[in-house]
């Protein structure tokens, strides 16, 4: 590991991950697939996967073959579903690593058959019930794709779909998608296929729509203690696993009327202590949150002022004089002064998923718990 000198890092609480997996298993009463794509939503895929496996995760979900290979290279033996169709040419490598393919088209089924015909490997056939991103479309074609898979000597191990609006307050779209999916399951079974794992629920659906839980639930954002949307997981007792921390690197007292950072977009309306913090948009801190977001400096909530720059940002301490080395919490923390990820996302006009997955590799991850 490269030696780190800059006092900026992300702390990841693996005990919180294990706790969350336990809560979600108990809440849903079914098998959990923990989704660790995008480097475990910015938390570190291998470390998260190990903690989740210890807590009873039955599957892992990844977006890329490369992400699955990383887990296998780290010695993880839990079944892994590649949620996107395998890119042409990746089939042999994926199968050699025992990655389970998702099939959403006849073309994908045929490519896989050309590599694995007659091997009896399991695949999960994905059905597009309204997300319109990937999967068998129209849904009534799912039975024919399953026939094609079986004819090649492969096994329809799973049948699944993805819900587009489960984190919205109105359940109508989700109920429509689930109804469509139930019809597809009936059609596939009538064609003689018996998928052992039928799954539809992401984090939001698994928490709010009990009928979506089926044989398996795919838990992404909730695993990390982050609500799929504000208020959705209230009362479950999930624990955020991430805290993003830094420290003051410089201070100065400025008079009223002074302006700070690029463009002088923020001007002080009173004398104030301004602290420089060595983290910026190159690390994933959202520039769109400039002069809007807050951070906790030396235990006090303060405003992030002026335009966030590539490597540094400024915090307005008001009359509280900061000292070089004072802790600055950019995300997470404990108690009423914690900076919730949805709060920071709101300042940036974004969503919690984007905030955590954009924290860059030059911010070291430190693991506790």
Protein backbone atom coordinates (compact mmCIF):
# COMPACT_ATOMS: atom_id res chain seq x y z
CA UNK A 1 0.00 0.00 0.00
CA UNK A 2 1.30 3.45 -0.92
CA UNK A 3 2.20 5.54 2.11
CA UNK A 4 -0.34 8.31 2.72
CA UNK A 5 0.68 11.74 3.96
CA UNK A 6 -2.45 13.78 3.30
CA UNK A 7 -4.84 13.73 6.28
CA UNK A 8 -7.87 12.73 4.21
CA UNK A 9 -9.38 9.26 4.31
CA UNK A 10 -12.58 7.22 4.34
CA UNK A 11 -13.23 5.06 7.38
CA UNK A 12 -15.38 1.96 6.72
CA UNK A 13 -16.97 0.15 9.65
CA UNK A 14 -17.16 -3.56 8.76
CA UNK A 15 -19.10 -4.28 11.93
CA UNK A 16 -21.82 -2.03 10.52
CA UNK A 17 -21.83 -4.08 7.31
CA UNK A 18 -22.24 -7.32 9.24
CA UNK A 19 -24.97 -5.72 11.35
CA UNK A 20 -26.84 -4.48 8.27
CA UNK A 21 -26.68 -7.85 6.54
CA UNK A 22 -28.12 -9.45 9.67
CA UNK A 23 -30.92 -6.89 9.88
CA UNK A 24 -31.80 -7.31 6.21
CA UNK A 25 -31.79 -11.10 6.41
CA UNK A 26 -34.14 -10.97 9.39
CA UNK A 27 -36.38 -8.33 7.79
CA UNK A 28 -36.80 -10.11 4.46
CA UNK A 29 -36.70 -13.71 5.63
CA UNK A 30 -35.01 -14.87 2.45
CA UNK A 31 -31.60 -15.28 0.85
CA UNK A 32 -29.51 -12.16 0.39
CA UNK A 33 -27.44 -11.23 -2.61
CA UNK A 34 -25.14 -8.42 -1.53
CA UNK A 35 -24.33 -6.16 -4.47
CA UNK A 36 -20.70 -5.09 -4.40
CA UNK A 37 -20.38 -3.48 -7.83
CA UNK A 38 -18.60 -0.13 -8.21
CA UNK A 39 -16.01 -1.21 -5.63
CA UNK A 40 -18.66 -1.98 -3.06
CA UNK A 41 -20.43 1.34 -3.66
CA UNK A 42 -17.14 3.07 -2.94
CA UNK A 43 -16.55 1.19 0.32
CA UNK A 44 -14.15 -1.46 -1.02
CA UNK A 45 -15.56 -4.55 -2.73
CA UNK A 46 -13.30 -7.25 -1.30
CA UNK A 47 -13.51 -6.08 2.31
CA UNK A 48 -17.29 -5.60 2.09
CA UNK A 49 -17.77 -9.00 0.49
CA UNK A 50 -15.76 -10.72 3.21
CA UNK A 51 -17.78 -9.03 5.96
CA UNK A 52 -21.06 -9.78 4.20
CA UNK A 53 -20.14 -13.44 3.75
CA UNK A 54 -19.34 -13.68 7.46
CA UNK A 55 -22.83 -12.33 8.17
CA UNK A 56 -24.56 -14.86 5.92
CA UNK A 57 -24.78 -13.36 2.45
CA UNK A 58 -25.64 -16.18 0.03
CA UNK A 59 -24.66 -14.43 -3.21
CA UNK A 60 -22.72 -11.45 -4.48
CA UNK A 61 -23.81 -9.27 -7.37
CA UNK A 62 -21.39 -7.42 -9.65
CA UNK A 63 -21.82 -5.37 -12.81
CA UNK A 64 -18.61 -6.37 -14.58
CA UNK A 65 -16.72 -9.57 -15.22
CA UNK A 66 -13.64 -7.75 -13.93
CA UNK A 67 -15.40 -7.12 -10.60
CA UNK A 68 -16.19 -10.82 -10.26
CA UNK A 69 -12.60 -11.74 -11.06
CA UNK A 70 -11.39 -9.40 -8.33
CA UNK A 71 -13.51 -11.24 -5.74
CA UNK A 72 -12.35 -14.63 -6.93
CA UNK A 73 -8.75 -13.43 -6.90
CA UNK A 74 -9.21 -12.48 -3.25
CA UNK A 75 -10.27 -16.04 -2.45
CA UNK A 76 -14.01 -15.49 -2.11
CA UNK A 77 -15.99 -18.61 -3.04
CA UNK A 78 -19.57 -17.33 -2.61
CA UNK A 79 -21.67 -17.55 -5.82
CA UNK A 80 -21.38 -14.39 -7.94
CA UNK A 81 -23.97 -13.17 -10.44
CA UNK A 82 -22.77 -10.81 -13.17
CA UNK A 83 -25.81 -8.56 -13.37
CA UNK A 84 -25.09 -7.28 -16.87
CA UNK A 85 -24.84 -9.52 -19.92
CA UNK A 86 -21.31 -10.79 -20.52
CA UNK A 87 -19.55 -8.73 -23.20
CA UNK A 88 -18.82 -10.80 -26.33
CA UNK A 89 -15.56 -12.63 -25.82
CA UNK A 90 -15.75 -12.67 -22.02
CA UNK A 91 -17.68 -15.93 -21.72
CA UNK A 92 -14.77 -18.36 -21.31
CA UNK A 93 -12.99 -16.22 -18.73
CA UNK A 94 -16.19 -15.65 -16.74
CA UNK A 95 -17.08 -19.33 -16.69
CA UNK A 96 -13.55 -20.37 -15.75
CA UNK A 97 -13.89 -18.13 -12.70
CA UNK A 98 -17.27 -19.67 -11.87
CA UNK A 99 -19.16 -16.43 -12.42
CA UNK A 100 -22.87 -16.92 -13.05
CA UNK A 101 -24.00 -15.21 -16.28
CA UNK A 102 -27.15 -13.15 -16.70
CA UNK A 103 -28.93 -13.78 -20.02
CA UNK A 104 -31.30 -11.17 -21.41
CA UNK A 105 -31.46 -12.00 -25.10
CA UNK A 106 -31.26 -14.87 -27.56
CA UNK A 107 -27.95 -13.48 -28.82
CA UNK A 108 -26.41 -13.68 -25.35
CA UNK A 109 -27.74 -17.20 -24.92
CA UNK A 110 -26.21 -18.25 -28.23
CA UNK A 111 -22.81 -16.69 -27.40
CA UNK A 112 -22.73 -18.52 -24.09
CA UNK A 113 -23.80 -21.78 -25.73
CA UNK A 114 -20.92 -21.50 -28.20
CA UNK A 115 -18.52 -21.60 -25.24
CA UNK A 116 -20.32 -23.85 -22.77
CA UNK A 117 -22.72 -26.06 -24.72
CA UNK A 118 -23.64 -29.16 -22.77
CA UNK A 119 -21.81 -28.19 -19.59
CA UNK A 120 -24.90 -27.81 -17.42
CA UNK A 121 -23.80 -24.47 -16.02
CA UNK A 122 -26.48 -22.35 -14.37
CA UNK A 123 -27.63 -19.03 -15.82
CA UNK A 124 -30.08 -16.39 -14.64
CA UNK A 125 -32.47 -15.22 -17.34
CA UNK A 126 -33.37 -11.56 -16.94
CA UNK A 127 -36.79 -10.26 -18.00
CA UNK A 128 -37.51 -6.63 -18.87
CA UNK A 129 -40.78 -5.80 -17.13
CA UNK A 130 -40.50 -2.04 -17.52
CA UNK A 131 -37.01 -0.80 -16.70
CA UNK A 132 -36.15 -0.98 -20.43
CA UNK A 133 -32.42 -1.21 -19.91
CA UNK A 134 -31.59 -4.91 -20.32
CA UNK A 135 -33.47 -8.16 -20.33
CA UNK A 136 -35.80 -10.20 -22.50
CA UNK A 137 -38.28 -7.95 -24.28
CA UNK A 138 -41.19 -8.38 -24.65
CA UNK A 139 -41.61 -10.38 -21.43
CA UNK A 140 -43.65 -13.10 -23.17
CA UNK A 141 -40.44 -14.07 -25.02
CA UNK A 142 -38.80 -15.24 -21.79
CA UNK A 143 -40.00 -18.84 -22.14
CA UNK A 144 -38.45 -19.06 -25.61
CA UNK A 145 -35.10 -17.76 -24.31
CA UNK A 146 -35.25 -20.31 -21.51
CA UNK A 147 -35.91 -23.01 -24.14
CA UNK A 148 -32.84 -21.84 -26.04
CA UNK A 149 -30.72 -21.98 -22.89
CA UNK A 150 -31.92 -25.49 -22.05
CA UNK A 151 -31.45 -26.72 -25.63
CA UNK A 152 -27.76 -25.81 -25.34
CA UNK A 153 -27.40 -28.04 -22.30
CA UNK A 154 -27.33 -25.15 -19.84
CA UNK A 155 -29.57 -24.78 -16.79
CA UNK A 156 -32.05 -22.00 -16.08
CA UNK A 157 -30.98 -21.58 -12.46
CA UNK A 158 -32.57 -18.17 -11.98
CA UNK A 159 -35.26 -15.93 -13.41
CA UNK A 160 -35.24 -12.27 -12.50
CA UNK A 161 -36.26 -8.72 -13.22
CA UNK A 162 -35.37 -5.23 -12.03
CA UNK A 163 -37.86 -2.73 -10.58
CA UNK A 164 -37.66 0.83 -11.86
CA UNK A 165 -39.65 2.81 -9.28
CA UNK A 166 -39.46 0.87 -6.01
CA UNK A 167 -37.94 3.87 -4.23
CA UNK A 168 -40.83 6.13 -5.27
CA UNK A 169 -43.79 6.78 -3.02
CA UNK A 170 -46.37 5.60 -5.57
CA UNK A 171 -46.39 1.77 -5.72
CA UNK A 172 -48.37 1.48 -8.97
CA UNK A 173 -45.44 0.91 -11.35
CA UNK A 174 -43.82 -1.59 -8.99
CA UNK A 175 -47.06 -3.53 -8.64
CA UNK A 176 -47.49 -3.58 -12.41
CA UNK A 177 -43.96 -4.87 -12.92
CA UNK A 178 -44.41 -7.55 -10.28
CA UNK A 179 -47.69 -8.67 -11.87
CA UNK A 180 -45.99 -8.92 -15.25
CA UNK A 181 -43.13 -10.87 -13.70
CA UNK A 182 -45.49 -13.31 -11.99
CA UNK A 183 -47.09 -14.01 -15.38
CA UNK A 184 -43.65 -14.65 -16.86
CA UNK A 185 -42.76 -17.07 -14.07
CA UNK A 186 -45.97 -18.97 -14.78
CA UNK A 187 -45.20 -19.10 -18.52
CA UNK A 188 -41.62 -20.26 -17.94
CA UNK A 189 -42.75 -22.99 -15.55
CA UNK A 190 -45.47 -24.07 -17.99
CA UNK A 191 -42.71 -24.50 -20.59
CA UNK A 192 -41.05 -27.02 -18.29
CA UNK A 193 -38.38 -24.91 -16.62
CA UNK A 194 -37.93 -24.84 -12.85
CA UNK A 195 -35.69 -21.90 -11.89
CA UNK A 196 -34.69 -22.36 -8.28
CA UNK A 197 -34.04 -18.66 -7.71
CA UNK A 198 -36.76 -16.24 -8.75
CA UNK A 199 -35.85 -12.68 -7.76
CA UNK A 200 -37.04 -9.14 -8.33
CA UNK A 201 -36.30 -7.01 -5.27
CA UNK A 202 -33.59 -4.40 -4.93
CA UNK A 203 -33.06 -2.69 -1.57
CA UNK A 204 -36.05 -0.38 -1.87
CA UNK A 205 -38.45 -3.09 -3.00
CA UNK A 206 -37.27 -5.62 -0.44
CA UNK A 207 -37.95 -3.12 2.34
CA UNK A 208 -41.25 -1.66 1.14
CA UNK A 209 -42.90 -4.39 -1.00
CA UNK A 210 -43.07 -7.70 0.85
CA UNK A 211 -44.49 -9.45 -2.23
CA UNK A 212 -41.24 -8.76 -4.10
CA UNK A 213 -39.00 -10.81 -1.81
CA UNK A 214 -39.49 -14.20 -3.52
CA UNK A 215 -36.48 -16.59 -3.35
CA UNK A 216 -33.72 -13.98 -3.17
CA UNK A 217 -33.34 -10.24 -2.63
CA UNK A 218 -30.55 -8.15 -4.14
CA UNK A 219 -29.32 -5.74 -1.50
CA UNK A 220 -27.14 -2.90 -2.70
CA UNK A 221 -27.36 0.49 -1.02
CA UNK A 222 -29.06 -0.77 2.16
CA UNK A 223 -26.13 -3.08 2.89
CA UNK A 224 -24.02 0.04 3.42
CA UNK A 225 -26.51 1.53 5.88
CA UNK A 226 -27.81 4.07 3.37
CA UNK A 227 -31.51 4.44 2.69
CA UNK A 228 -32.56 3.82 -0.94
CA UNK A 229 -34.47 7.08 -0.61
CA UNK A 230 -34.91 9.31 2.43
CA UNK A 231 -37.24 7.68 4.95
CA UNK A 232 -37.55 4.29 3.27
CA UNK A 233 -35.59 2.30 5.85
CA UNK A 234 -36.52 4.38 8.90
CA UNK A 235 -36.86 2.18 11.96
CA UNK A 236 -34.86 -0.77 10.60
CA UNK A 237 -31.78 0.20 12.56
CA UNK A 238 -29.34 0.17 9.65
CA UNK A 239 -25.94 1.66 10.45
CA UNK A 240 -24.04 3.81 7.92
CA UNK A 241 -20.66 2.19 7.34
CA UNK A 242 -18.79 5.15 5.85
CA UNK A 243 -17.22 8.20 7.44
CA UNK A 244 -15.20 10.60 5.26
CA UNK A 245 -12.69 12.56 7.33
CA UNK A 246 -9.98 15.15 6.82
CA UNK A 247 -8.19 17.81 8.86
CA UNK A 248 -7.57 21.53 8.71
CA UNK A 249 -4.35 22.31 6.83
CA UNK A 250 -4.34 26.13 7.07
CA UNK A 251 -6.35 28.96 8.70
CA UNK A 252 -6.75 32.69 8.26
CA UNK A 253 -8.88 35.47 9.71
CA UNK A 254 -10.66 37.46 7.01
CA UNK A 255 -12.56 40.71 7.23
CA UNK A 256 -16.13 41.27 6.13
CA UNK A 257 -16.26 41.85 2.39
CA UNK A 258 -13.40 39.51 1.51
CA UNK A 259 -14.21 36.91 -1.14
CA UNK A 260 -12.81 33.39 -1.31
CA UNK A 261 -11.83 30.70 -3.83
CA UNK A 262 -12.09 30.69 -7.62
CA UNK A 263 -14.38 33.28 -9.13
CA UNK A 264 -14.89 34.99 -5.77
CA UNK A 265 -18.38 33.49 -5.84
CA UNK A 266 -18.66 33.70 -2.04
CA UNK A 267 -18.11 36.95 -0.13
CA UNK A 268 -18.02 37.19 3.66
CA UNK A 269 -20.75 39.30 5.24
CA UNK A 270 -18.89 39.35 8.59
CA UNK A 271 -15.36 38.81 9.89
CA UNK A 272 -14.67 35.09 9.96
CA UNK A 273 -12.13 32.34 10.43
CA UNK A 274 -11.62 30.39 7.20
CA UNK A 275 -10.06 26.93 7.22
CA UNK A 276 -8.46 25.15 4.27
CA UNK A 277 -9.20 21.42 4.06
CA UNK A 278 -7.13 19.21 1.71
CA UNK A 279 -9.89 17.50 -0.25
CA UNK A 280 -11.61 18.53 -3.47
CA UNK A 281 -13.61 17.48 -6.48
CA UNK A 282 -10.73 15.31 -7.75
CA UNK A 283 -11.45 13.17 -4.69
CA UNK A 284 -15.15 13.04 -5.44
CA UNK A 285 -16.35 15.86 -3.21
CA UNK A 286 -19.14 17.44 -5.29
CA UNK A 287 -18.32 20.88 -6.69
CA UNK A 288 -22.05 21.42 -7.10
CA UNK A 289 -22.27 21.60 -3.30
CA UNK A 290 -20.05 24.71 -3.20
CA UNK A 291 -21.25 27.31 -0.67
CA UNK A 292 -24.18 25.04 0.19
CA UNK A 293 -22.87 21.97 1.98
CA UNK A 294 -21.86 21.76 5.61
CA UNK A 295 -19.04 19.88 7.33
CA UNK A 296 -18.33 19.25 10.99
CA UNK A 297 -15.11 21.04 11.99
CA UNK A 298 -13.77 20.43 15.49
CA UNK A 299 -17.22 19.19 16.47
CA UNK A 300 -19.15 22.19 15.10
CA UNK A 301 -21.24 22.31 11.94
CA UNK A 302 -19.80 24.86 9.52
CA UNK A 303 -20.50 25.86 5.96
CA UNK A 304 -18.32 24.83 3.03
CA UNK A 305 -17.75 28.17 1.27
CA UNK A 306 -16.53 29.31 -2.10
CA UNK A 307 -16.09 27.05 -5.08
CA UNK A 308 -14.77 23.60 -4.20
CA UNK A 309 -11.46 23.25 -6.03
CA UNK A 310 -9.70 20.20 -7.39
CA UNK A 311 -7.68 19.43 -4.27
CA UNK A 312 -8.98 21.72 -1.52
CA UNK A 313 -12.10 23.28 -0.09
CA UNK A 314 -12.74 26.06 2.41
CA UNK A 315 -14.83 25.96 5.57
CA UNK A 316 -16.22 29.03 7.33
CA UNK A 317 -15.66 28.70 11.08
CA UNK A 318 -17.27 32.04 11.93
CA UNK A 319 -15.97 33.27 15.28
CA UNK A 320 -14.63 29.82 16.19
CA UNK A 321 -10.91 29.82 15.54
CA UNK A 322 -9.83 26.50 14.03
CA UNK A 323 -6.38 25.02 14.48
CA UNK A 324 -4.28 23.19 11.96
CA UNK A 325 -4.96 19.50 12.49
CA UNK A 326 -8.54 19.92 13.72
CA UNK A 327 -10.72 17.07 12.44
CA UNK A 328 -13.19 17.81 9.66
CA UNK A 329 -15.97 15.29 8.99
CA UNK A 330 -17.21 15.62 5.42
CA UNK A 331 -19.60 12.67 5.52
CA UNK A 332 -20.94 10.47 8.28
CA UNK A 333 -20.20 10.86 11.96
CA UNK A 334 -22.29 10.35 15.06
CA UNK A 335 -25.16 12.21 16.69
CA UNK A 336 -27.08 15.27 15.59
CA UNK A 337 -24.07 16.78 13.82
CA UNK A 338 -23.52 13.81 11.51
CA UNK A 339 -23.48 14.64 7.80
CA UNK A 340 -25.92 12.20 6.21
CA UNK A 341 -25.11 11.10 2.68
CA UNK A 342 -28.56 12.14 1.46
CA UNK A 343 -27.95 15.58 2.98
CA UNK A 344 -24.72 16.00 1.03
CA UNK A 345 -26.43 14.64 -2.08
CA UNK A 346 -29.17 17.23 -1.67
CA UNK A 347 -26.65 20.06 -1.56
CA UNK A 348 -25.17 18.73 -4.80
CA UNK A 349 -28.48 18.10 -6.56
CA UNK A 350 -27.59 14.42 -6.71
CA UNK A 351 -28.38 11.09 -5.01
CA UNK A 352 -26.64 9.16 -2.25
CA UNK A 353 -25.52 6.43 -4.67
CA UNK A 354 -23.49 8.92 -6.70
CA UNK A 355 -21.89 10.54 -3.67
CA UNK A 356 -20.37 7.34 -2.25
CA UNK A 357 -19.39 5.77 -5.57
CA UNK A 358 -17.60 8.91 -6.74
CA UNK A 359 -15.15 9.07 -3.83
CA UNK A 360 -11.93 8.40 -5.68
CA UNK A 361 -9.14 5.91 -5.28
CA UNK A 362 -6.71 8.58 -4.07
CA UNK A 363 -8.74 8.77 -0.84
CA UNK A 364 -7.45 5.84 1.23
CA UNK A 365 -9.96 3.47 2.84
CA UNK A 366 -9.30 2.45 6.41
CA UNK A 367 -11.24 -0.47 7.86
CA UNK A 368 -12.45 -0.85 11.43
CA UNK A 369 -14.69 -3.38 13.14
